[in-house]
Amino acid sequence: MPTENERKDVQKAMAYDLLRIFEANPDKTYTAKELKELIDAYIRGTAP
């Protein structure tokens, strides 16, 4: 069972990874549906 600090580290890493994905296309505007699909793809391990 992960500790609270380990869980926080994983959450921060996920947020950082998602920021890097968004920074890849700085001029793109995402719809709520696109954000959901991107986060789903990230969780499944299929994000760009």
PDB file of N, CA and C in Angstrom:
ATOM      1  N   MET A   1       0.845  -1.175   0.000  1.00  0.00           N
ATOM      2  CA  MET A   1       0.000   0.000   0.000  1.00  0.00           C
ATOM      3  C   MET A   1       0.896   1.247   0.000  1.00  0.00           C
ATOM      4  N   PRO A   2       0.709   2.144  -1.004  1.00  0.00           N
ATOM      5  CA  PRO A   2       1.559   3.335  -1.054  1.00  0.00           C
ATOM      6  C   PRO A   2       1.292   4.287   0.113  1.00  0.00           C
ATOM      7  N   THR A   3       2.329   4.989   0.493  1.00  0.00           N
ATOM      8  CA  THR A   3       2.183   5.983   1.554  1.00  0.00           C
ATOM      9  C   THR A   3       1.532   7.238   0.973  1.00  0.00           C
ATOM     10  N   GLU A   4       1.119   8.129   1.846  1.00  0.00           N
ATOM     11  CA  GLU A   4       0.508   9.386   1.404  1.00  0.00           C
ATOM     12  C   GLU A   4       1.491  10.193   0.558  1.00  0.00           C
ATOM     13  N   ASN A   5       2.754  10.213   0.947  1.00  0.00           N
ATOM     14  CA  ASN A   5       3.756  10.942   0.163  1.00  0.00           C
ATOM     15  C   ASN A   5       3.939  10.336  -1.221  1.00  0.00           C
ATOM     16  N   GLU A   6       3.909   9.018  -1.316  1.00  0.00           N
ATOM     17  CA  GLU A   6       4.029   8.361  -2.617  1.00  0.00           C
ATOM     18  C   GLU A   6       2.837   8.706  -3.501  1.00  0.00           C
ATOM     19  N   ARG A   7       1.648   8.747  -2.929  1.00  0.00           N
ATOM     20  CA  ARG A   7       0.454   9.111  -3.696  1.00  0.00           C
ATOM     21  C   ARG A   7       0.553  10.543  -4.200  1.00  0.00           C
ATOM     22  N   LYS A   8       1.038  11.437  -3.357  1.00  0.00           N
ATOM     23  CA  LYS A   8       1.203  12.836  -3.773  1.00  0.00           C
ATOM     24  C   LYS A   8       2.226  12.948  -4.893  1.00  0.00           C
ATOM     25  N   ASP A   9       3.305  12.177  -4.805  1.00  0.00           N
ATOM     26  CA  ASP A   9       4.317  12.189  -5.860  1.00  0.00           C
ATOM     27  C   ASP A   9       3.724  11.722  -7.190  1.00  0.00           C
ATOM     28  N   VAL A  10       2.904  10.691  -7.151  1.00  0.00           N
ATOM     29  CA  VAL A  10       2.269  10.178  -8.369  1.00  0.00           C
ATOM     30  C   VAL A  10       1.321  11.227  -8.949  1.00  0.00           C
ATOM     31  N   GLN A  11       0.562  11.888  -8.102  1.00  0.00           N
ATOM     32  CA  GLN A  11      -0.363  12.925  -8.573  1.00  0.00           C
ATOM     33  C   GLN A  11       0.406  14.079  -9.221  1.00  0.00           C
ATOM     34  N   LYS A  12       1.494  14.488  -8.607  1.00  0.00           N
ATOM     35  CA  LYS A  12       2.295  15.577  -9.163  1.00  0.00           C
ATOM     36  C   LYS A  12       2.917  15.164 -10.492  1.00  0.00           C
ATOM     37  N   ALA A  13       3.374  13.931 -10.582  1.00  0.00           N
ATOM     38  CA  ALA A  13       3.963  13.445 -11.824  1.00  0.00           C
ATOM     39  C   ALA A  13       2.920  13.417 -12.934  1.00  0.00           C
ATOM     40  N   MET A  14       1.716  12.989 -12.608  1.00  0.00           N
ATOM     41  CA  MET A  14       0.647  12.963 -13.600  1.00  0.00           C
ATOM     42  C   MET A  14       0.329  14.374 -14.078  1.00  0.00           C
ATOM     43  N   ALA A  15       0.228  15.315 -13.158  1.00  0.00           N
ATOM     44  CA  ALA A  15      -0.057  16.698 -13.530  1.00  0.00           C
ATOM     45  C   ALA A  15       1.050  17.245 -14.429  1.00  0.00           C
ATOM     46  N   TYR A  16       2.296  16.950 -14.086  1.00  0.00           N
ATOM     47  CA  TYR A  16       3.424  17.409 -14.896  1.00  0.00           C
ATOM     48  C   TYR A  16       3.361  16.799 -16.303  1.00  0.00           C
ATOM     49  N   ASP A  17       3.097  15.513 -16.387  1.00  0.00           N
ATOM     50  CA  ASP A  17       2.990  14.853 -17.689  1.00  0.00           C
ATOM     51  C   ASP A  17       1.898  15.493 -18.540  1.00  0.00           C
ATOM     52  N   LEU A  18       0.755  15.769 -17.942  1.00  0.00           N
ATOM     53  CA  LEU A  18      -0.339  16.388 -18.686  1.00  0.00           C
ATOM     54  C   LEU A  18       0.028  17.800 -19.134  1.00  0.00           C
ATOM     55  N   LEU A  19       0.717  18.549 -18.293  1.00  0.00           N
ATOM     56  CA  LEU A  19       1.174  19.876 -18.697  1.00  0.00           C
ATOM     57  C   LEU A  19       2.091  19.791 -19.910  1.00  0.00           C
ATOM     58  N   ARG A  20       2.986  18.821 -19.909  1.00  0.00           N
ATOM     59  CA  ARG A  20       3.897  18.646 -21.047  1.00  0.00           C
ATOM     60  C   ARG A  20       3.117  18.321 -22.325  1.00  0.00           C
ATOM     61  N   ILE A  21       2.077  17.516 -22.217  1.00  0.00           N
ATOM     62  CA  ILE A  21       1.241  17.205 -23.385  1.00  0.00           C
ATOM     63  C   ILE A  21       0.578  18.475 -23.895  1.00  0.00           C
ATOM     64  N   PHE A  22       0.035  19.287 -22.991  1.00  0.00           N
ATOM     65  CA  PHE A  22      -0.627  20.529 -23.401  1.00  0.00           C
ATOM     66  C   PHE A  22       0.370  21.516 -24.006  1.00  0.00           C
ATOM     67  N   GLU A  23       1.579  21.562 -23.464  1.00  0.00           N
ATOM     68  CA  GLU A  23       2.599  22.478 -23.975  1.00  0.00           C
ATOM     69  C   GLU A  23       3.067  22.096 -25.373  1.00  0.00           C
ATOM     70  N   ALA A  24       2.855  20.857 -25.774  1.00  0.00           N
ATOM     71  CA  ALA A  24       3.268  20.414 -27.104  1.00  0.00           C
ATOM     72  C   ALA A  24       2.505  21.164 -28.195  1.00  0.00           C
ATOM     73  N   ASN A  25       1.277  21.621 -27.880  1.00  0.00           N
ATOM     74  CA  ASN A  25       0.452  22.390 -28.819  1.00  0.00           C
ATOM     75  C   ASN A  25      -0.069  23.632 -28.107  1.00  0.00           C
ATOM     76  N   PRO A  26       0.790  24.625 -27.870  1.00  0.00           N
ATOM     77  CA  PRO A  26       0.399  25.770 -27.046  1.00  0.00           C
ATOM     78  C   PRO A  26      -0.742  26.614 -27.610  1.00  0.00           C
ATOM     79  N   ASP A  27      -0.966  26.558 -28.914  1.00  0.00           N
ATOM     80  CA  ASP A  27      -2.033  27.367 -29.514  1.00  0.00           C
ATOM     81  C   ASP A  27      -3.367  26.633 -29.597  1.00  0.00           C
ATOM     82  N   LYS A  28      -3.390  25.378 -29.200  1.00  0.00           N
ATOM     83  CA  LYS A  28      -4.629  24.595 -29.279  1.00  0.00           C
ATOM     84  C   LYS A  28      -5.546  24.919 -28.107  1.00  0.00           C
ATOM     85  N   THR A  29      -6.821  25.041 -28.421  1.00  0.00           N
ATOM     86  CA  THR A  29      -7.854  25.199 -27.402  1.00  0.00           C
ATOM     87  C   THR A  29      -8.590  23.873 -27.318  1.00  0.00           C
ATOM     88  N   TYR A  30      -8.732  23.349 -26.101  1.00  0.00           N
ATOM     89  CA  TYR A  30      -9.350  22.046 -25.901  1.00  0.00           C
ATOM     90  C   TYR A  30     -10.785  22.206 -25.413  1.00  0.00           C
ATOM     91  N   THR A  31     -11.665  21.376 -25.950  1.00  0.00           N
ATOM     92  CA  THR A  31     -13.026  21.310 -25.432  1.00  0.00           C
ATOM     93  C   THR A  31     -13.013  20.395 -24.208  1.00  0.00           C
ATOM     94  N   ALA A  32     -14.087  20.442 -23.439  1.00  0.00           N
ATOM     95  CA  ALA A  32     -14.192  19.559 -22.276  1.00  0.00           C
ATOM     96  C   ALA A  32     -14.098  18.097 -22.719  1.00  0.00           C
ATOM     97  N   LYS A  33     -14.713  17.774 -23.844  1.00  0.00           N
ATOM     98  CA  LYS A  33     -14.677  16.398 -24.356  1.00  0.00           C
ATOM     99  C   LYS A  33     -13.247  15.998 -24.720  1.00  0.00           C
ATOM    100  N   GLU A  34     -12.512  16.893 -25.372  1.00  0.00           N
ATOM    101  CA  GLU A  34     -11.134  16.586 -25.737  1.00  0.00           C
ATOM    102  C   GLU A  34     -10.251  16.402 -24.507  1.00  0.00           C
ATOM    103  N   LEU A  35     -10.460  17.228 -23.496  1.00  0.00           N
ATOM    104  CA  LEU A  35      -9.691  17.069 -22.257  1.00  0.00           C
ATOM    105  C   LEU A  35      -9.968  15.721 -21.614  1.00  0.00           C
ATOM    106  N   LYS A  36     -11.248  15.339 -21.564  1.00  0.00           N
ATOM    107  CA  LYS A  36     -11.608  14.042 -20.994  1.00  0.00           C
ATOM    108  C   LYS A  36     -10.948  12.913 -21.773  1.00  0.00           C
ATOM    109  N   GLU A  37     -11.000  12.994 -23.092  1.00  0.00           N
ATOM    110  CA  GLU A  37     -10.396  11.951 -23.926  1.00  0.00           C
ATOM    111  C   GLU A  37      -8.881  11.904 -23.740  1.00  0.00           C
ATOM    112  N   LEU A  38      -8.258  13.070 -23.617  1.00  0.00           N
ATOM    113  CA  LEU A  38      -6.816  13.119 -23.410  1.00  0.00           C
ATOM    114  C   LEU A  38      -6.426  12.520 -22.068  1.00  0.00           C
ATOM    115  N   ILE A  39      -7.169  12.858 -21.029  1.00  0.00           N
ATOM    116  CA  ILE A  39      -6.891  12.304 -19.700  1.00  0.00           C
ATOM    117  C   ILE A  39      -7.152  10.806 -19.681  1.00  0.00           C
ATOM    118  N   ASP A  40      -8.227  10.370 -20.323  1.00  0.00           N
ATOM    119  CA  ASP A  40      -8.496   8.931 -20.431  1.00  0.00           C
ATOM    120  C   ASP A  40      -7.359   8.212 -21.146  1.00  0.00           C
ATOM    121  N   ALA A  41      -6.866   8.799 -22.244  1.00  0.00           N
ATOM    122  CA  ALA A  41      -5.763   8.201 -22.990  1.00  0.00           C
ATOM    123  C   ALA A  41      -4.505   8.153 -22.132  1.00  0.00           C
ATOM    124  N   TYR A  42      -4.268   9.202 -21.360  1.00  0.00           N
ATOM    125  CA  TYR A  42      -3.111   9.220 -20.462  1.00  0.00           C
ATOM    126  C   TYR A  42      -3.201   8.082 -19.457  1.00  0.00           C
ATOM    127  N   ILE A  43      -4.357   7.918 -18.843  1.00  0.00           N
ATOM    128  CA  ILE A  43      -4.541   6.871 -17.845  1.00  0.00           C
ATOM    129  C   ILE A  43      -4.350   5.484 -18.460  1.00  0.00           C
ATOM    130  N   ARG A  44      -4.850   5.294 -19.687  1.00  0.00           N
ATOM    131  CA  ARG A  44      -4.702   4.007 -20.365  1.00  0.00           C
ATOM    132  C   ARG A  44      -3.279   3.787 -20.892  1.00  0.00           C
ATOM    133  N   GLY A  45      -2.504   4.876 -20.939  1.00  0.00           N
ATOM    134  CA  GLY A  45      -1.130   4.763 -21.436  1.00  0.00           C
ATOM    135  C   GLY A  45      -1.021   4.927 -22.925  1.00  0.00           C
ATOM    136  N   THR A  46      -2.016   5.554 -23.534  1.00  0.00           N
ATOM    137  CA  THR A  46      -1.999   5.736 -24.997  1.00  0.00           C
ATOM    138  C   THR A  46      -1.911   7.198 -25.389  1.00  0.00           C
ATOM    139  N   ALA A  47      -1.608   8.080 -24.443  1.00  0.00           N
ATOM    140  CA  ALA A  47      -1.517   9.507 -24.756  1.00  0.00           C
ATOM    141  C   ALA A  47      -0.286   9.772 -25.621  1.00  0.00           C
ATOM    142  N   PRO A  48      -0.345  10.844 -26.425  1.00  0.00           N
ATOM    143  CA  PRO A  48       0.793  11.161 -27.305  1.00  0.00           C
ATOM    144  C   PRO A  48       2.060  11.475 -26.549  1.00  0.00           C
TER     145      PRO A  48
END
